[in-house]
PDB file of N, CA and C in Angstrom:
ATOM      1  N   MET A   1     -80.177 160.294-177.758  1.00  0.00           N
ATOM      2  CA  MET A   1     -81.287 159.677-177.055  1.00  0.00           C
ATOM      3  C   MET A   1     -82.387 160.723-176.859  1.00  0.00           C
ATOM      4  N   ALA A   2     -83.607 160.327-177.123  1.00  0.00           N
ATOM      5  CA  ALA A   2     -84.751 161.242-177.036  1.00  0.00           C
ATOM      6  C   ALA A   2     -85.064 161.593-175.584  1.00  0.00           C
ATOM      7  N   LYS A   3     -85.513 162.811-175.414  1.00  0.00           N
ATOM      8  CA  LYS A   3     -86.016 163.308-174.127  1.00  0.00           C
ATOM      9  C   LYS A   3     -87.483 163.632-174.334  1.00  0.00           C
ATOM     10  N   TYR A   4     -88.251 163.600-173.254  1.00  0.00           N
ATOM     11  CA  TYR A   4     -89.697 163.770-173.370  1.00  0.00           C
ATOM     12  C   TYR A   4     -90.229 164.840-172.433  1.00  0.00           C
ATOM     13  N   LYS A   5     -91.294 165.504-172.879  1.00  0.00           N
ATOM     14  CA  LYS A   5     -92.011 166.515-172.100  1.00  0.00           C
ATOM     15  C   LYS A   5     -93.463 166.077-171.997  1.00  0.00           C
ATOM     16  N   VAL A   6     -94.181 166.670-171.039  1.00  0.00           N
ATOM     17  CA  VAL A   6     -95.583 166.317-170.815  1.00  0.00           C
ATOM     18  C   VAL A   6     -96.429 167.581-170.738  1.00  0.00           C
ATOM     19  N   ASP A   7     -97.514 167.590-171.498  1.00  0.00           N
ATOM     20  CA  ASP A   7     -98.546 168.622-171.388  1.00  0.00           C
ATOM     21  C   ASP A   7     -99.769 167.989-170.752  1.00  0.00           C
ATOM     22  N   ILE A   8    -100.377 168.715-169.822  1.00  0.00           N
ATOM     23  CA  ILE A   8    -101.635 168.305-169.211  1.00  0.00           C
ATOM     24  C   ILE A   8    -102.703 169.234-169.775  1.00  0.00           C
ATOM     25  N   ALA A   9    -103.793 168.649-170.270  1.00  0.00           N
ATOM     26  CA  ALA A   9    -104.852 169.451-170.891  1.00  0.00           C
ATOM     27  C   ALA A   9    -106.220 168.871-170.546  1.00  0.00           C
ATOM     28  N   ASP A  10    -107.251 169.719-170.702  1.00  0.00           N
ATOM     29  CA  ASP A  10    -108.603 169.185-170.554  1.00  0.00           C
ATOM     30  C   ASP A  10    -108.985 168.485-171.858  1.00  0.00           C
ATOM     31  N   LEU A  11    -110.130 167.839-171.860  1.00  0.00           N
ATOM     32  CA  LEU A  11    -110.518 167.051-173.029  1.00  0.00           C
ATOM     33  C   LEU A  11    -110.839 167.901-174.249  1.00  0.00           C
ATOM     34  N   SER A  12    -111.012 169.209-174.050  1.00  0.00           N
ATOM     35  CA  SER A  12    -111.221 170.125-175.174  1.00  0.00           C
ATOM     36  C   SER A  12    -109.901 170.561-175.785  1.00  0.00           C
ATOM     37  N   GLY A  13    -108.784 170.147-175.176  1.00  0.00           N
ATOM     38  CA  GLY A  13    -107.470 170.503-175.679  1.00  0.00           C
ATOM     39  C   GLY A  13    -106.892 171.769-175.077  1.00  0.00           C
ATOM     40  N   ASN A  14    -107.586 172.366-174.099  1.00  0.00           N
ATOM     41  CA  ASN A  14    -107.067 173.562-173.432  1.00  0.00           C
ATOM     42  C   ASN A  14    -105.951 173.175-172.475  1.00  0.00           C
ATOM     43  N   LEU A  15    -104.785 173.763-172.664  1.00  0.00           N
ATOM     44  CA  LEU A  15    -103.617 173.455-171.851  1.00  0.00           C
ATOM     45  C   LEU A  15    -103.848 173.879-170.409  1.00  0.00           C
ATOM     46  N   ILE A  16    -103.625 172.967-169.487  1.00  0.00           N
ATOM     47  CA  ILE A  16    -103.693 173.270-168.060  1.00  0.00           C
ATOM     48  C   ILE A  16    -102.298 173.547-167.544  1.00  0.00           C
ATOM     49  N   GLU A  17    -101.358 172.687-167.923  1.00  0.00           N
ATOM     50  CA  GLU A  17     -99.989 172.843-167.432  1.00  0.00           C
ATOM     51  C   GLU A  17     -99.028 172.055-168.312  1.00  0.00           C
ATOM     52  N   THR A  18     -97.817 172.579-168.449  1.00  0.00           N
ATOM     53  CA  THR A  18     -96.707 171.840-169.034  1.00  0.00           C
ATOM     54  C   THR A  18     -95.758 171.529-167.889  1.00  0.00           C
ATOM     55  N   LEU A  19     -95.491 170.250-167.677  1.00  0.00           N
ATOM     56  CA  LEU A  19     -94.597 169.887-166.577  1.00  0.00           C
ATOM     57  C   LEU A  19     -93.199 170.412-166.869  1.00  0.00           C
ATOM     58  N   ASP A  20     -92.552 170.934-165.832  1.00  0.00           N
ATOM     59  CA  ASP A  20     -91.244 171.567-165.988  1.00  0.00           C
ATOM     60  C   ASP A  20     -90.139 170.579-166.346  1.00  0.00           C
ATOM     61  N   GLU A  21     -90.249 169.388-165.846  1.00  0.00           N
ATOM     62  CA  GLU A  21     -89.187 168.409-166.006  1.00  0.00           C
ATOM     63  C   GLU A  21     -89.118 167.852-167.427  1.00  0.00           C
ATOM     64  N   THR A  22     -87.930 167.537-167.878  1.00  0.00           N
ATOM     65  CA  THR A  22     -87.698 166.811-169.119  1.00  0.00           C
ATOM     66  C   THR A  22     -87.293 165.397-168.722  1.00  0.00           C
ATOM     67  N   PHE A  23     -87.948 164.407-169.303  1.00  0.00           N
ATOM     68  CA  PHE A  23     -87.763 163.018-168.883  1.00  0.00           C
ATOM     69  C   PHE A  23     -86.874 162.256-169.852  1.00  0.00           C
ATOM     70  N   ASP A  24     -86.093 161.321-169.311  1.00  0.00           N
ATOM     71  CA  ASP A  24     -85.160 160.535-170.112  1.00  0.00           C
ATOM     72  C   ASP A  24     -85.844 159.411-170.885  1.00  0.00           C
ATOM     73  N   SER A  25     -87.026 159.003-170.441  1.00  0.00           N
ATOM     74  CA  SER A  25     -87.729 157.930-171.145  1.00  0.00           C
ATOM     75  C   SER A  25     -89.213 158.252-171.219  1.00  0.00           C
ATOM     76  N   TYR A  26     -89.860 157.645-172.194  1.00  0.00           N
ATOM     77  CA  TYR A  26     -91.306 157.800-172.354  1.00  0.00           C
ATOM     78  C   TYR A  26     -92.023 157.271-171.114  1.00  0.00           C
ATOM     79  N   GLU A  27     -91.535 156.157-170.576  1.00  0.00           N
ATOM     80  CA  GLU A  27     -92.154 155.539-169.408  1.00  0.00           C
ATOM     81  C   GLU A  27     -92.089 156.457-168.190  1.00  0.00           C
ATOM     82  N   ASP A  28     -90.952 157.137-167.993  1.00  0.00           N
ATOM     83  CA  ASP A  28     -90.829 158.083-166.877  1.00  0.00           C
ATOM     84  C   ASP A  28     -91.809 159.242-167.041  1.00  0.00           C
ATOM     85  N   ALA A  29     -91.947 159.723-168.263  1.00  0.00           N
ATOM     86  CA  ALA A  29     -92.879 160.819-168.535  1.00  0.00           C
ATOM     87  C   ALA A  29     -94.312 160.369-168.286  1.00  0.00           C
ATOM     88  N   GLU A  30     -94.632 159.165-168.716  1.00  0.00           N
ATOM     89  CA  GLU A  30     -95.990 158.654-168.523  1.00  0.00           C
ATOM     90  C   GLU A  30     -96.297 158.462-167.037  1.00  0.00           C
ATOM     91  N   TYR A  31     -95.334 157.936-166.283  1.00  0.00           N
ATOM     92  CA  TYR A  31     -95.529 157.756-164.846  1.00  0.00           C
ATOM     93  C   TYR A  31     -95.811 159.100-164.172  1.00  0.00           C
ATOM     94  N   GLU A  32     -95.023 160.105-164.493  1.00  0.00           N
ATOM     95  CA  GLU A  32     -95.192 161.417-163.880  1.00  0.00           C
ATOM     96  C   GLU A  32     -96.529 162.047-164.276  1.00  0.00           C
ATOM     97  N   ALA A  33     -96.944 161.877-165.516  1.00  0.00           N
ATOM     98  CA  ALA A  33     -98.236 162.402-165.960  1.00  0.00           C
ATOM     99  C   ALA A  33     -99.377 161.736-165.202  1.00  0.00           C
ATOM    100  N   GLN A  34     -99.306 160.433-165.037  1.00  0.00           N
ATOM    101  CA  GLN A  34    -100.347 159.717-164.294  1.00  0.00           C
ATOM    102  C   GLN A  34    -100.351 160.127-162.829  1.00  0.00           C
ATOM    103  N   GLN A  35     -99.177 160.372-162.272  1.00  0.00           N
ATOM    104  CA  GLN A  35     -99.081 160.836-160.885  1.00  0.00           C
ATOM    105  C   GLN A  35     -99.706 162.221-160.748  1.00  0.00           C
ATOM    106  N   TRP A  36     -99.446 163.102-161.721  1.00  0.00           N
ATOM    107  CA  TRP A  36    -100.011 164.454-161.699  1.00  0.00           C
ATOM    108  C   TRP A  36    -101.537 164.377-161.724  1.00  0.00           C
ATOM    109  N   ILE A  37    -102.086 163.537-162.577  1.00  0.00           N
ATOM    110  CA  ILE A  37    -103.544 163.412-162.675  1.00  0.00           C
ATOM    111  C   ILE A  37    -104.115 162.823-161.382  1.00  0.00           C
ATOM    112  N   SER A  38    -103.421 161.885-160.765  1.00  0.00           N
ATOM    113  CA  SER A  38    -103.860 161.335-159.485  1.00  0.00           C
ATOM    114  C   SER A  38    -103.892 162.420-158.408  1.00  0.00           C
ATOM    115  N   ASP A  39    -102.852 163.240-158.363  1.00  0.00           N
ATOM    116  CA  ASP A  39    -102.807 164.352-157.399  1.00  0.00           C
ATOM    117  C   ASP A  39    -103.902 165.367-157.681  1.00  0.00           C
ATOM    118  N   TYR A  40    -104.159 165.640-158.948  1.00  0.00           N
ATOM    119  CA  TYR A  40    -105.221 166.567-159.353  1.00  0.00           C
ATOM    120  C   TYR A  40    -106.572 166.043-158.867  1.00  0.00           C
ATOM    121  N   SER A  41    -106.781 164.738-159.015  1.00  0.00           N
ATOM    122  CA  SER A  41    -108.028 164.117-158.589  1.00  0.00           C
ATOM    123  C   SER A  41    -108.197 164.212-157.076  1.00  0.00           C
ATOM    124  N   ALA A  42    -107.128 163.963-156.336  1.00  0.00           N
ATOM    125  CA  ALA A  42    -107.185 164.072-154.871  1.00  0.00           C
ATOM    126  C   ALA A  42    -107.502 165.502-154.453  1.00  0.00           C
ATOM    127  N   GLY A  43    -106.901 166.473-155.116  1.00  0.00           N
ATOM    128  CA  GLY A  43    -107.180 167.883-154.817  1.00  0.00           C
ATOM    129  C   GLY A  43    -108.624 168.241-155.107  1.00  0.00           C
ATOM    130  N   ALA A  44    -109.174 167.695-156.183  1.00  0.00           N
ATOM    131  CA  ALA A  44    -110.574 167.947-156.533  1.00  0.00           C
ATOM    132  C   ALA A  44    -111.497 167.382-155.462  1.00  0.00           C
ATOM    133  N   ASP A  45    -111.179 166.196-154.954  1.00  0.00           N
ATOM    134  CA  ASP A  45    -111.991 165.591-153.897  1.00  0.00           C
ATOM    135  C   ASP A  45    -111.995 166.452-152.641  1.00  0.00           C
ATOM    136  N   VAL A  46    -110.838 166.943-152.253  1.00  0.00           N
ATOM    137  CA  VAL A  46    -110.734 167.786-151.057  1.00  0.00           C
ATOM    138  C   VAL A  46    -111.524 169.073-151.235  1.00  0.00           C
ATOM    139  N   LEU A  47    -111.384 169.706-152.379  1.00  0.00           N
ATOM    140  CA  LEU A  47    -112.117 170.953-152.616  1.00  0.00           C
ATOM    141  C   LEU A  47    -113.617 170.714-152.686  1.00  0.00           C
ATOM    142  N   GLN A  48    -114.029 169.597-153.246  1.00  0.00           N
ATOM    143  CA  GLN A  48    -115.456 169.284-153.305  1.00  0.00           C
ATOM    144  C   GLN A  48    -116.010 169.106-151.890  1.00  0.00           C
ATOM    145  N   LEU A  49    -115.271 168.435-151.029  1.00  0.00           N
ATOM    146  CA  LEU A  49    -115.702 168.266-149.640  1.00  0.00           C
ATOM    147  C   LEU A  49    -115.804 169.604-148.914  1.00  0.00           C
ATOM    148  N   ALA A  50    -114.967 170.558-149.320  1.00  0.00           N
ATOM    149  CA  ALA A  50    -114.981 171.890-148.714  1.00  0.00           C
ATOM    150  C   ALA A  50    -116.025 172.800-149.361  1.00  0.00           C
ATOM    151  N   GLY A  51    -116.753 172.279-150.339  1.00  0.00           N
ATOM    152  CA  GLY A  51    -117.787 173.066-150.996  1.00  0.00           C
ATOM    153  C   GLY A  51    -117.276 174.004-152.069  1.00  0.00           C
ATOM    154  N   GLU A  52    -116.064 173.769-152.535  1.00  0.00           N
ATOM    155  CA  GLU A  52    -115.473 174.608-153.582  1.00  0.00           C
ATOM    156  C   GLU A  52    -115.611 173.928-154.944  1.00  0.00           C
ATOM    157  N   ALA A  53    -115.743 174.728-155.973  1.00  0.00           N
ATOM    158  CA  ALA A  53    -115.801 174.200-157.332  1.00  0.00           C
ATOM    159  C   ALA A  53    -114.390 173.870-157.818  1.00  0.00           C
ATOM    160  N   TYR A  54    -114.280 172.831-158.598  1.00  0.00           N
ATOM    161  CA  TYR A  54    -112.980 172.422-159.138  1.00  0.00           C
ATOM    162  C   TYR A  54    -113.236 171.663-160.423  1.00  0.00           C
ATOM    163  N   GLY A  55    -112.308 171.704-161.345  1.00  0.00           N
ATOM    164  CA  GLY A  55    -112.467 170.989-162.607  1.00  0.00           C
ATOM    165  C   GLY A  55    -112.593 169.490-162.383  1.00  0.00           C
ATOM    166  N   ASP A  56    -113.407 168.849-163.189  1.00  0.00           N
ATOM    167  CA  ASP A  56    -113.631 167.410-163.095  1.00  0.00           C
ATOM    168  C   ASP A  56    -112.353 166.659-163.489  1.00  0.00           C
ATOM    169  N   PRO A  57    -111.810 165.850-162.595  1.00  0.00           N
ATOM    170  CA  PRO A  57    -110.576 165.116-162.915  1.00  0.00           C
ATOM    171  C   PRO A  57    -110.731 164.139-164.082  1.00  0.00           C
ATOM    172  N   ASP A  58    -111.963 163.721-164.362  1.00  0.00           N
ATOM    173  CA  ASP A  58    -112.182 162.821-165.501  1.00  0.00           C
ATOM    174  C   ASP A  58    -112.047 163.556-166.837  1.00  0.00           C
ATOM    175  N   ASP A  59    -112.016 164.873-166.796  1.00  0.00           N
ATOM    176  CA  ASP A  59    -111.892 165.685-168.004  1.00  0.00           C
ATOM    177  C   ASP A  59    -110.455 166.133-168.256  1.00  0.00           C
ATOM    178  N   VAL A  60    -109.486 165.446-167.643  1.00  0.00           N
ATOM    179  CA  VAL A  60    -108.078 165.815-167.771  1.00  0.00           C
ATOM    180  C   VAL A  60    -107.321 164.662-168.426  1.00  0.00           C
ATOM    181  N   ASP A  61    -106.443 165.005-169.353  1.00  0.00           N
ATOM    182  CA  ASP A  61    -105.627 164.000-170.028  1.00  0.00           C
ATOM    183  C   ASP A  61    -104.224 164.568-170.223  1.00  0.00           C
ATOM    184  N   TYR A  62    -103.321 163.772-170.721  1.00  0.00           N
ATOM    185  CA  TYR A  62    -101.957 164.230-170.942  1.00  0.00           C
ATOM    186  C   TYR A  62    -101.475 163.850-172.330  1.00  0.00           C
ATOM    187  N   GLU A  63    -100.457 164.588-172.763  1.00  0.00           N
ATOM    188  CA  GLU A  63     -99.800 164.287-174.032  1.00  0.00           C
ATOM    189  C   GLU A  63     -98.305 164.271-173.774  1.00  0.00           C
ATOM    190  N   ILE A  64     -97.664 163.230-174.232  1.00  0.00           N
ATOM    191  CA  ILE A  64     -96.211 163.112-174.105  1.00  0.00           C
ATOM    192  C   ILE A  64     -95.613 163.326-175.486  1.00  0.00           C
ATOM    193  N   TYR A  65     -94.571 164.140-175.545  1.00  0.00           N
ATOM    194  CA  TYR A  65     -93.944 164.443-176.835  1.00  0.00           C
ATOM    195  C   TYR A  65     -92.441 164.583-176.654  1.00  0.00           C
ATOM    196  N   GLU A  66     -91.724 164.420-177.742  1.00  0.00           N
ATOM    197  CA  GLU A  66     -90.263 164.557-177.698  1.00  0.00           C
ATOM    198  C   GLU A  66     -89.886 166.015-177.505  1.00  0.00           C
ATOM    199  N   ALA A  67     -88.993 166.242-176.565  1.00  0.00           N
ATOM    200  CA  ALA A  67     -88.498 167.597-176.304  1.00  0.00           C
ATOM    201  C   ALA A  67     -87.548 167.991-177.429  1.00  0.00           C
ATOM    202  N   THR A  68     -87.574 169.256-177.754  1.00  0.00           N
ATOM    203  CA  THR A  68     -86.668 169.739-178.807  1.00  0.00           C
ATOM    204  C   THR A  68     -85.528 170.512-178.229  1.00  0.00           C
TER     205      THR A  68
END
């Protein structure tokens, strides 16, 4: 049975993070990736309110791939 990993990257393809967990299904990996991006967006909002610069959450995407 396939296992899956998730990379989070900006739209230019620069890797931001590889999630540590290995997922049993594609759907679990996708859920976790979407949750990570939601958390990233919330963090960006908080930092923006505090007057700090932060990467635009709209410029973040994920890639799910089979773990080897």
